[in-house]
Amino acid sequence: MSRSITRLLMIAALVSLVALPAAANPSNNTADVVEKPTFFKDVLPVLQQNCQVCHRPGGANLGGMVAPMSFTTYESTRPWAKSIARQVEARTMPPWHAAPRHAGTFDNERTLADAEIATLVNWAKSGAKSGDATDAPAGKEWPVNNGWSIGEPDLVINMGQKYFVEDDVEDHYITFTTTITKEMLPEPRWVKGVEFRPGSEVVHHIIARPLGGIAPGNDPSLYDEGFGTLLEPGTEIRWAMHYHKEAGEGTGKWDFSEAAIRFYPEDYTPEHIIVNDPMVKHDFAIPPGDPNFQAKVSSTFERDSLLLGYTPHMHLRGSYAKYVAMYPDGTEEVLLEVPKYDFNWQTHYKYPAGGKPIPAGTKIELTMAWDNSEGNPNNPDPTATVHFGQPTTAEMMFGFVSYADAEPGYQPESTGFLSSRRERDPERMKKMLKERFNVDWDTLSEDERADVLKRLREARSGNAGAGDR
C-alpha cells in the first residue's frame, strides 16, 4: 500500500476531536483540569462541544474524511480512550495547522484548551471510568439534513454519470460536464453555501468550476450573510476529478460524486461577490534530497478588498506555507503561517464574518517550501527532481485566496484580481494563446494550463523544447 494512502487511513482511524464552525469552542479558556474525570460528568461535555459534529452517525464529511467511530455513548467511546489521549496530547488532533500566533484569528479554528486536553488524557490514564449516568448533560440534538452539513439543500447535482476507477489506476484525472438546466434552476439565484460529497474513498479532490471544490480535510462552504456567488440556468459545471489509490487487482471503485447547493431567498442580493483565486507558480524544480526548497509568488490588489480566507495546496513533499501582506505604507503582516503542512488535511482558513479589510495597493506574497529529502516519510522518491504536475508524486504550488471587493455592489472581473495579475489583460492573453497554440484557456485543466504557460515561456525566450526533460 502506498505511504500516502496508508497515512490517510491511519488518520481516518485515529481521528479524535474535530470541531467545525457549527461547533464553536467557547469553553477554550474556561475549562478546569479534572484529575480523575469520569465520562458522563467531565468527558462527554467536551465531546459534545468539540467532537460529535463529526463523531456520530451521519456526522460531518470533511472533504471525504468521515469519522469511522461514534463518540456519543460511553460504550462507543471507551475503546478509543487511549487513542484520543495520544492524539490530543500530541496536538495532531483536532486537525489544525496554523501557527500558534494565529490563535483566535480564524472562524473555523479547531483547537482544544490545555485544560480540556488534560481532562481527556487524565480520563484515559485513570482507567476511562464511566461515572454516574445522572451526571451526563442532556443529549445534543443534531439537525437531520440527509447528511449535509450546510443544512437542507435547495438543489443537489451530480457529476452526470457513474464512473469506474480501474484496478491499475494510481493517479487519474478526468473531467465530467453537467449543465444546470431550466428545470433544475428556473431563474438565476445567489448561492449561500456549497457542499461536495465524494462518491467513493478513491476521490482525492474535486474542482467543480464555478462552484468551488473539495480536498481532504476541507470544510463545506457556507457563506456569511452579505456574501455569495451567482448561479444561472445554463451554467456548465466542470467536474475536474482526481482519483488516487493503490493500484492492484480488486482495487477498482465506482464513483458518483454529488454537490449540495443552498440559495439565498429569491428576492435577496448579497452586497459582495466572492472570488476564489489561486496564487500559483508552475516553473519550479525541486532538487533531489533538498530538505527545504522554497519558492515565492506575489500578487497586488488594485482595489480596497476584504480577505475572506486562504487554502494552501501542495502534495506529499509540501512542508510549509506563509502568506504575508505588504501594505502601501511599508508595513508588513503575516496573514497565515502553516509551519507543518499536511497533505491529508488541506484546511481552508476562514476569517470571521466580514473578512479582513485591506487597502488598494496591498501586495500578498506567498512562500511555500517542500522537503524532498529521505527524512520526509511521505516522500515517494527523494532521488527525483520534482516539477509541477498533477500526479500525487509530482508537486504543486497553489495558494488559494478567497476575497471580495470592499465596495458593496461592485462586480469584479470573472477572472478575479489575482489571476489578472498574470497578464494585464486576461482576455487578450486568452486570445493570444488561442491563436498561438489553438487552446481554449477556460476549458483547460491546471496541468494543461501549466504546460501551455511553459511552452509560452520557452517560445518567448527562444528556447522552445528546452523544458522537455
Protein backbone atom coordinates (compact mmCIF):
# COMPACT_ATOMS: atom_id res chain seq x y z
CA MET A 1 0.00 0.00 0.00
CA SER A 2 1.34 3.47 -0.89
CA ARG A 3 2.54 5.58 2.04
CA SER A 4 0.11 8.40 1.27
CA ILE A 5 -2.88 6.06 1.35
CA THR A 6 -1.61 4.32 4.48
CA ARG A 7 -1.26 7.64 6.27
CA LEU A 8 -4.69 8.77 5.15
CA LEU A 9 -6.27 5.61 6.55
CA MET A 10 -4.36 5.95 9.81
CA ILE A 11 -5.63 9.49 10.24
CA ALA A 12 -9.18 8.39 9.50
CA ALA A 13 -8.89 5.59 12.04
CA LEU A 14 -7.39 7.74 14.78
CA VAL A 15 -9.24 10.98 14.23
CA SER A 16 -10.30 12.09 17.67
CA LEU A 17 -11.66 15.59 18.02
CA VAL A 18 -12.70 17.63 15.00
CA ALA A 19 -14.50 20.91 15.65
CA LEU A 20 -16.29 22.72 12.85
CA PRO A 21 -17.64 26.26 12.85
CA ALA A 22 -21.01 24.80 13.78
CA ALA A 23 -19.42 23.56 16.99
CA ALA A 24 -17.55 26.65 18.04
CA ASN A 25 -15.42 26.27 21.15
CA PRO A 26 -16.40 28.97 23.65
CA SER A 27 -15.08 26.91 26.57
CA ASN A 28 -11.44 27.16 25.45
CA ASN A 29 -10.45 29.48 28.27
CA THR A 30 -12.86 28.34 30.94
CA ALA A 31 -12.32 24.58 31.30
CA ASP A 32 -10.84 23.28 34.55
CA VAL A 33 -8.48 20.31 34.69
CA VAL A 34 -10.06 17.27 36.32
CA GLU A 35 -7.54 14.85 37.83
CA LYS A 36 -9.81 11.78 37.86
CA PRO A 37 -12.53 12.57 35.36
CA THR A 38 -15.46 10.37 34.53
CA PHE A 39 -17.10 10.03 31.14
CA PHE A 40 -20.56 11.30 31.93
CA LYS A 41 -19.58 14.25 34.12
CA ASP A 42 -16.35 15.51 32.56
CA VAL A 43 -15.59 13.93 29.18
CA LEU A 44 -18.97 13.89 27.47
CA PRO A 45 -19.39 17.70 27.63
CA VAL A 46 -16.04 18.10 25.83
CA LEU A 47 -17.04 15.55 23.20
CA GLN A 48 -20.41 17.19 22.64
CA GLN A 49 -18.86 20.61 22.24
CA ASN A 50 -15.90 19.70 20.06
CA CYS A 51 -16.27 16.27 18.60
CA GLN A 52 -19.71 14.88 17.98
CA VAL A 53 -20.25 17.16 15.00
CA CYS A 54 -18.17 14.51 13.19
CA HIS A 55 -18.14 11.54 15.56
CA ARG A 56 -21.78 10.50 15.41
CA PRO A 57 -23.98 8.60 12.99
CA GLY A 58 -24.31 10.79 9.90
CA GLY A 59 -21.53 13.10 11.09
CA ALA A 60 -19.81 15.79 9.05
CA ASN A 61 -17.86 14.90 5.94
CA LEU A 62 -14.60 16.87 5.70
CA GLY A 63 -13.62 16.52 2.09
CA GLY A 64 -14.11 12.77 2.12
CA MET A 65 -12.75 12.37 5.66
CA VAL A 66 -15.55 10.72 7.63
CA ALA A 67 -15.05 9.78 11.28
CA PRO A 68 -15.15 5.98 11.48
CA MET A 69 -16.39 5.82 15.07
CA SER A 70 -19.07 7.46 17.20
CA PHE A 71 -18.39 9.29 20.48
CA THR A 72 -21.99 9.72 21.55
CA THR A 73 -22.12 6.96 24.20
CA TYR A 74 -19.75 5.55 26.78
CA GLU A 75 -19.84 2.14 25.12
CA SER A 76 -18.77 3.51 21.72
CA THR A 77 -16.14 5.88 23.13
CA ARG A 78 -14.42 3.72 25.76
CA PRO A 79 -12.42 1.55 23.28
CA TRP A 80 -10.85 4.73 21.83
CA ALA A 81 -9.79 6.34 25.12
CA LYS A 82 -6.05 5.76 24.67
CA SER A 83 -6.11 6.84 21.02
CA ILE A 84 -7.96 10.02 21.95
CA ALA A 85 -5.40 10.76 24.67
CA ARG A 86 -2.42 10.20 22.35
CA GLN A 87 -3.81 12.34 19.55
CA VAL A 88 -4.89 15.32 21.64
CA GLU A 89 -1.72 15.28 23.77
CA ALA A 90 0.43 15.34 20.61
CA ARG A 91 -1.88 18.06 19.22
CA THR A 92 -2.22 16.17 15.96
CA MET A 93 -5.94 16.24 16.64
CA PRO A 94 -8.01 18.28 16.17
CA PRO A 95 -6.50 18.78 12.69
CA TRP A 96 -5.41 22.43 12.72
CA HIS A 97 -2.07 23.51 11.30
CA ALA A 98 -1.96 27.29 11.59
CA ALA A 99 0.89 28.66 13.73
CA PRO A 100 0.03 29.47 17.39
CA ARG A 101 0.37 33.19 16.60
CA HIS A 102 -2.98 32.95 14.79
CA ALA A 103 -4.94 31.73 17.82
CA GLY A 104 -8.37 33.34 17.70
CA THR A 105 -7.86 34.74 14.19
CA PHE A 106 -9.86 32.32 12.09
CA ASP A 107 -13.53 31.47 12.43
CA ASN A 108 -13.17 27.72 11.91
CA GLU A 109 -10.31 27.15 14.35
CA ARG A 110 -10.18 23.54 15.57
CA THR A 111 -8.41 23.62 18.90
CA LEU A 112 -8.82 22.45 22.47
CA ALA A 113 -7.87 24.35 25.62
CA ASP A 114 -4.97 22.94 27.62
CA ALA A 115 -7.39 22.05 30.42
CA GLU A 116 -9.64 20.12 28.03
CA ILE A 117 -6.68 18.16 26.71
CA ALA A 118 -5.55 17.38 30.26
CA THR A 119 -9.03 16.18 31.17
CA LEU A 120 -9.17 13.77 28.24
CA VAL A 121 -5.66 12.50 28.91
CA ASN A 122 -6.37 12.04 32.63
CA TRP A 123 -9.55 10.13 31.80
CA ALA A 124 -7.60 7.58 29.74
CA LYS A 125 -4.79 7.30 32.29
CA SER A 126 -7.13 6.83 35.25
CA GLY A 127 -8.97 3.92 33.66
CA ALA A 128 -11.58 5.68 31.47
CA LYS A 129 -14.30 5.37 34.13
CA SER A 130 -17.93 5.84 33.17
CA GLY A 131 -19.08 7.56 36.37
CA ASP A 132 -22.69 8.24 37.23
CA ALA A 133 -25.00 8.48 34.22
CA THR A 134 -27.14 11.03 36.06
CA ASP A 135 -24.20 13.47 35.76
CA ALA A 136 -24.44 13.47 31.96
CA PRO A 137 -25.56 16.62 30.16
CA ALA A 138 -28.66 16.43 28.02
CA GLY A 139 -28.01 14.69 24.72
CA LYS A 140 -27.14 17.07 21.91
CA GLU A 141 -29.68 17.19 19.10
CA TRP A 142 -28.26 17.40 15.60
CA PRO A 143 -30.31 18.63 12.65
CA VAL A 144 -31.38 15.97 10.17
CA ASN A 145 -30.27 17.20 6.75
CA ASN A 146 -29.74 13.93 4.89
CA GLY A 147 -26.11 14.08 5.93
CA TRP A 148 -25.44 17.58 4.54
CA SER A 149 -23.58 19.86 6.95
CA ILE A 150 -24.78 23.07 5.29
CA GLY A 151 -28.40 22.26 6.07
CA GLU A 152 -31.20 21.02 3.86
CA PRO A 153 -30.07 21.76 0.29
CA ASP A 154 -32.20 23.54 -2.29
CA LEU A 155 -30.53 21.70 -5.15
CA VAL A 156 -28.39 18.55 -5.35
CA ILE A 157 -26.39 17.96 -8.52
CA ASN A 158 -24.02 15.19 -9.54
CA MET A 159 -21.15 14.55 -11.93
CA GLY A 160 -23.58 13.27 -14.57
CA GLN A 161 -22.60 9.62 -14.74
CA LYS A 162 -21.17 6.80 -12.68
CA TYR A 163 -17.50 6.24 -13.34
CA PHE A 164 -15.35 3.20 -12.61
CA VAL A 165 -11.78 3.83 -11.49
CA GLU A 166 -9.90 0.85 -12.89
CA ASP A 167 -7.73 -1.55 -10.88
CA ASP A 168 -4.47 -0.35 -12.45
CA VAL A 169 -5.08 3.32 -11.60
CA GLU A 170 -2.91 5.08 -9.02
CA ASP A 171 -3.44 8.69 -10.08
CA HIS A 172 -6.11 9.52 -12.62
CA TYR A 173 -7.56 12.85 -13.77
CA ILE A 174 -10.75 13.14 -15.75
CA THR A 175 -13.32 15.89 -16.29
CA PHE A 176 -17.10 15.50 -16.49
CA THR A 177 -19.51 18.26 -17.51
CA THR A 178 -23.05 18.72 -16.29
CA THR A 179 -25.44 21.57 -17.10
CA ILE A 180 -27.70 23.47 -14.72
CA THR A 181 -30.95 23.20 -16.67
CA LYS A 182 -34.02 25.43 -16.52
CA GLU A 183 -35.87 22.58 -14.83
CA MET A 184 -33.25 22.49 -12.08
CA LEU A 185 -32.97 26.27 -11.73
CA PRO A 186 -35.66 28.35 -13.47
CA GLU A 187 -34.08 31.71 -12.58
CA PRO A 188 -30.61 32.96 -11.53
CA ARG A 189 -30.07 32.55 -7.80
CA TRP A 190 -27.42 33.69 -5.33
CA VAL A 191 -25.57 30.84 -3.70
CA LYS A 192 -25.41 30.76 0.11
CA GLY A 193 -23.48 27.50 0.51
CA VAL A 194 -21.98 24.54 -1.34
CA GLU A 195 -21.02 21.12 -0.02
CA PHE A 196 -19.43 18.30 -2.01
CA ARG A 197 -19.94 14.63 -1.20
CA PRO A 198 -17.33 12.31 -2.74
CA GLY A 199 -18.94 9.16 -4.09
CA SER A 200 -16.01 6.93 -3.26
CA GLU A 201 -12.98 6.76 -0.98
CA VAL A 202 -10.72 6.93 -4.06
CA VAL A 203 -11.75 10.55 -4.74
CA HIS A 204 -8.79 12.68 -3.71
CA HIS A 205 -10.15 16.05 -4.75
CA ILE A 206 -12.79 17.70 -6.89
CA ILE A 207 -12.62 21.08 -8.62
CA ALA A 208 -16.05 21.91 -9.99
CA ARG A 209 -15.99 25.36 -11.52
CA PRO A 210 -17.72 27.65 -10.82
CA LEU A 211 -18.98 26.11 -7.55
CA GLY A 212 -15.57 25.56 -5.99
CA GLY A 213 -14.17 22.25 -4.91
CA ILE A 214 -13.09 19.94 -2.15
CA ALA A 215 -9.94 18.22 -0.89
CA PRO A 216 -9.21 16.06 2.17
CA GLY A 217 -9.96 17.99 5.35
CA ASN A 218 -11.97 20.80 3.74
CA ASP A 219 -15.00 22.22 5.50
CA PRO A 220 -18.13 22.79 3.40
CA SER A 221 -18.56 26.36 2.13
CA LEU A 222 -21.31 28.25 3.96
CA TYR A 223 -21.01 31.94 3.15
CA ASP A 224 -21.55 34.74 5.63
CA GLU A 225 -24.59 36.95 5.22
CA GLY A 226 -23.98 39.53 2.51
CA PHE A 227 -21.52 37.39 0.55
CA GLY A 228 -22.27 34.97 -2.28
CA THR A 229 -21.86 33.89 -5.87
CA LEU A 230 -24.44 33.88 -8.66
CA LEU A 231 -25.56 30.64 -10.34
CA GLU A 232 -27.51 30.92 -13.59
CA PRO A 233 -29.55 28.48 -15.66
CA GLY A 234 -27.41 27.04 -18.44
CA THR A 235 -24.21 27.14 -16.38
CA GLU A 236 -21.88 24.26 -17.20
CA ILE A 237 -20.31 22.65 -14.14
CA ARG A 238 -16.94 21.08 -14.99
CA TRP A 239 -16.11 18.30 -12.53
CA ALA A 240 -12.32 18.03 -12.63
CA MET A 241 -11.84 14.78 -10.71
CA HIS A 242 -8.60 13.48 -9.19
CA TYR A 243 -8.71 9.82 -8.22
CA HIS A 244 -5.87 8.41 -6.11
CA LYS A 245 -5.49 4.90 -4.73
CA GLU A 246 -3.23 1.88 -4.58
CA ALA A 247 -3.09 0.11 -7.95
CA GLY A 248 -3.79 -3.62 -7.92
CA GLU A 249 -6.27 -6.36 -8.64
CA GLY A 250 -9.61 -5.75 -6.96
CA THR A 251 -8.89 -2.10 -6.03
CA GLY A 252 -11.21 -0.60 -8.66
CA LYS A 253 -14.09 1.51 -7.37
CA TRP A 254 -17.23 3.12 -8.74
CA ASP A 255 -17.71 6.84 -8.13
CA PHE A 256 -20.77 9.04 -8.33
CA SER A 257 -19.93 12.30 -6.55
CA GLU A 258 -22.50 14.94 -5.69
CA ALA A 259 -22.77 18.56 -4.57
CA ALA A 260 -25.48 20.21 -2.49
CA ILE A 261 -26.34 23.88 -3.01
CA ARG A 262 -28.22 26.25 -0.73
CA PHE A 263 -29.55 29.52 -2.12
CA TYR A 264 -30.40 32.86 -0.59
CA PRO A 265 -34.10 33.82 -0.77
CA GLU A 266 -35.23 34.68 -4.30
CA ASP A 267 -35.53 38.40 -3.56
CA TYR A 268 -32.11 38.67 -1.86
CA THR A 269 -28.94 40.04 -3.47
CA PRO A 270 -25.71 39.92 -1.43
CA GLU A 271 -23.60 43.06 -1.30
CA HIS A 272 -20.31 41.30 -2.01
CA ILE A 273 -19.42 38.75 -4.71
CA ILE A 274 -16.96 36.11 -3.56
CA VAL A 275 -13.90 35.39 -5.69
CA ASN A 276 -11.72 32.31 -5.13
CA ASP A 277 -8.42 32.79 -6.87
CA PRO A 278 -5.14 30.85 -6.85
CA MET A 279 -1.72 32.35 -6.41
CA VAL A 280 0.20 29.80 -8.45
CA LYS A 281 3.72 29.07 -9.63
CA HIS A 282 4.37 26.44 -12.28
CA ASP A 283 8.07 26.88 -13.09
CA PHE A 284 9.94 25.35 -10.19
CA ALA A 285 12.32 22.40 -9.93
CA ILE A 286 12.90 20.83 -6.51
CA PRO A 287 16.39 19.27 -6.40
CA PRO A 288 16.90 15.69 -5.22
CA GLY A 289 17.42 15.39 -1.48
CA ASP A 290 16.68 19.06 -0.74
CA PRO A 291 15.03 19.27 2.72
CA ASN A 292 13.89 22.88 2.39
CA PHE A 293 13.36 24.05 -1.17
CA GLN A 294 11.41 27.32 -1.26
CA ALA A 295 9.54 29.28 -3.92
CA LYS A 296 7.68 32.57 -3.85
CA VAL A 297 4.94 34.28 -5.82
CA SER A 298 3.11 37.56 -5.22
CA SER A 299 0.04 39.48 -6.40
CA THR A 300 -1.20 43.01 -5.79
CA PHE A 301 -4.78 44.13 -5.15
CA GLU A 302 -5.75 47.17 -7.20
CA ARG A 303 -8.86 47.95 -5.14
CA ASP A 304 -9.83 48.01 -1.47
CA SER A 305 -10.79 44.43 -0.69
CA LEU A 306 -11.98 42.04 2.00
CA LEU A 307 -9.86 38.96 2.56
CA LEU A 308 -12.10 36.01 3.45
CA GLY A 309 -9.69 33.09 3.78
CA TYR A 310 -6.80 31.01 2.46
CA THR A 311 -6.19 27.43 1.33
CA PRO A 312 -2.57 26.40 0.73
CA HIS A 313 -2.17 23.38 -1.56
CA MET A 314 0.88 21.21 -2.19
CA HIS A 315 1.44 17.46 -2.44
CA LEU A 316 3.36 14.86 -0.41
CA ARG A 317 6.60 16.87 -0.16
CA GLY A 318 4.86 20.08 0.93
CA SER A 319 6.12 21.23 4.34
CA TYR A 320 5.47 24.94 4.89
CA ALA A 321 3.33 27.85 3.70
CA LYS A 322 3.19 31.54 4.58
CA TYR A 323 1.05 34.41 3.29
CA VAL A 324 2.40 37.91 4.02
CA ALA A 325 0.63 41.23 3.35
CA MET A 326 2.86 44.11 2.29
CA TYR A 327 0.82 47.26 2.77
CA PRO A 328 1.18 50.53 0.80
CA ASP A 329 2.51 52.33 3.91
CA GLY A 330 5.52 49.98 4.02
CA THR A 331 4.35 47.80 6.91
CA GLU A 332 4.05 44.02 6.69
CA GLU A 333 1.81 41.44 8.36
CA VAL A 334 1.89 37.64 8.40
CA LEU A 335 -1.63 36.70 7.37
CA LEU A 336 -1.21 32.95 7.69
CA GLU A 337 1.73 30.71 8.55
CA VAL A 338 1.42 26.93 8.33
CA PRO A 339 4.67 25.56 9.83
CA LYS A 340 3.79 21.89 9.29
CA TYR A 341 1.70 21.49 6.16
CA ASP A 342 -0.21 18.20 5.98
CA PHE A 343 -1.28 16.91 2.55
CA ASN A 344 -4.09 14.90 4.16
CA TRP A 345 -5.71 17.90 5.87
CA GLN A 346 -5.99 20.73 3.36
CA THR A 347 -7.73 23.22 5.56
CA HIS A 348 -9.39 26.42 4.41
CA TYR A 349 -8.55 29.10 6.99
CA LYS A 350 -11.65 31.31 7.13
CA TYR A 351 -11.96 34.77 8.69
CA PRO A 352 -14.99 35.71 10.82
CA ALA A 353 -17.95 37.39 9.15
CA GLY A 354 -16.99 40.50 7.21
CA GLY A 355 -13.47 39.36 6.43
CA LYS A 356 -10.23 41.29 6.85
CA PRO A 357 -10.14 44.70 5.08
CA ILE A 358 -7.01 45.55 3.09
CA PRO A 359 -6.32 48.76 1.14
CA ALA A 360 -5.70 49.05 -2.58
CA GLY A 361 -2.04 48.53 -3.39
CA THR A 362 -1.56 45.73 -0.87
CA LYS A 363 0.77 43.03 -2.16
CA ILE A 364 0.31 39.47 -0.95
CA GLU A 365 3.48 37.37 -1.02
CA LEU A 366 3.17 33.61 -0.78
CA THR A 367 6.13 31.44 0.28
CA MET A 368 5.96 27.66 0.12
CA ALA A 369 8.54 25.01 0.97
CA TRP A 370 8.99 21.32 0.19
CA ASP A 371 11.00 18.55 1.84
CA ASN A 372 12.44 16.29 -0.87
CA SER A 373 14.83 14.51 1.49
CA GLU A 374 14.95 10.97 2.82
CA GLY A 375 13.87 12.40 6.17
CA ASN A 376 10.38 13.02 4.82
CA PRO A 377 8.47 9.76 5.46
CA ASN A 378 5.87 10.69 2.82
CA ASN A 379 8.42 11.35 0.07
CA PRO A 380 7.78 8.94 -2.82
CA ASP A 381 11.27 9.40 -4.30
CA PRO A 382 13.98 11.62 -2.73
CA THR A 383 16.27 10.99 -5.74
CA ALA A 384 13.92 12.74 -8.18
CA THR A 385 14.00 16.32 -9.43
CA VAL A 386 10.39 17.36 -8.89
CA HIS A 387 8.38 19.68 -11.12
CA PHE A 388 4.82 20.97 -11.17
CA GLY A 389 2.40 18.23 -12.16
CA GLN A 390 -0.97 16.67 -11.41
CA PRO A 391 0.11 13.25 -10.08
CA THR A 392 0.38 12.99 -6.31
CA THR A 393 4.05 12.03 -6.78
CA ALA A 394 4.69 15.37 -8.55
CA GLU A 395 4.23 18.73 -6.79
CA MET A 396 2.05 21.81 -6.92
CA MET A 397 2.18 25.37 -5.62
CA PHE A 398 -1.26 26.86 -5.14
CA GLY A 399 -2.14 29.43 -2.53
CA PHE A 400 -5.87 29.92 -2.91
CA VAL A 401 -7.23 33.23 -1.66
CA SER A 402 -10.92 33.90 -1.07
CA TYR A 403 -11.87 37.58 -1.15
CA ALA A 404 -14.41 40.18 -2.20
CA ASP A 405 -14.33 43.81 -3.25
CA ALA A 406 -14.87 46.18 -0.34
CA GLU A 407 -17.38 48.28 -2.29
CA PRO A 408 -20.94 46.97 -1.87
CA GLY A 409 -22.45 46.01 -5.22
CA TYR A 410 -19.16 46.04 -7.12
CA GLN A 411 -18.99 43.50 -9.96
CA PRO A 412 -15.47 42.01 -10.14
CA GLU A 413 -13.85 40.63 -13.26
CA SER A 414 -14.73 36.99 -13.88
CA THR A 415 -11.06 36.08 -13.58
CA GLY A 416 -10.53 37.92 -10.31
CA PHE A 417 -7.85 40.43 -9.35
CA LEU A 418 -5.12 37.93 -8.58
CA SER A 419 -5.38 35.88 -11.74
CA SER A 420 -5.44 39.05 -13.82
CA ARG A 421 -2.02 39.86 -12.41
CA ARG A 422 -0.62 37.07 -14.54
CA GLU A 423 -1.40 39.18 -17.59
CA ARG A 424 -2.54 42.78 -17.56
CA ASP A 425 -5.36 41.98 -19.99
CA PRO A 426 -6.60 38.42 -19.36
CA GLU A 427 -8.91 38.39 -22.40
CA ARG A 428 -6.04 39.45 -24.61
CA MET A 429 -3.91 36.67 -23.12
CA LYS A 430 -6.61 34.08 -23.84
CA LYS A 431 -6.92 35.28 -27.44
CA MET A 432 -3.16 35.12 -27.92
CA LEU A 433 -2.98 31.57 -26.54
CA LYS A 434 -5.82 30.55 -28.84
CA GLU A 435 -4.04 31.97 -31.87
CA ARG A 436 -0.61 30.60 -30.97
CA PHE A 437 -1.44 27.20 -29.51
CA ASN A 438 -5.09 26.66 -30.56
CA VAL A 439 -6.27 26.17 -26.97
CA ASP A 440 -9.27 27.48 -25.05
CA TRP A 441 -7.86 28.67 -21.69
CA ASP A 442 -11.18 28.44 -19.83
CA THR A 443 -11.57 24.73 -20.64
CA LEU A 444 -8.03 23.65 -19.69
CA SER A 445 -7.16 21.70 -16.54
CA GLU A 446 -4.50 23.12 -14.23
CA ASP A 447 -1.97 20.67 -15.63
CA GLU A 448 -2.80 21.68 -19.20
CA ARG A 449 -2.52 25.36 -18.25
CA ALA A 450 0.89 24.69 -16.73
CA ASP A 451 2.03 23.04 -19.96
CA VAL A 452 0.74 25.91 -22.13
CA LEU A 453 2.43 28.55 -19.95
CA LYS A 454 5.66 26.55 -20.03
CA ARG A 455 5.54 26.44 -23.83
CA LEU A 456 4.82 30.17 -23.93
CA ARG A 457 7.83 30.98 -21.72
CA GLU A 458 10.08 28.81 -23.85
CA ALA A 459 8.82 30.44 -27.04
CA ARG A 460 9.38 33.93 -25.65
CA SER A 461 12.90 33.05 -24.55
CA GLY A 462 13.74 31.49 -27.90
CA ASN A 463 14.33 28.19 -26.13
CA ALA A 464 11.44 26.09 -27.39
CA GLY A 465 11.66 22.49 -26.30
CA ALA A 466 14.19 23.12 -23.55
CA GLY A 467 11.69 22.16 -20.89
CA ASP A 468 11.10 18.70 -22.33
CA ARG A 469 13.31 16.78 -19.96
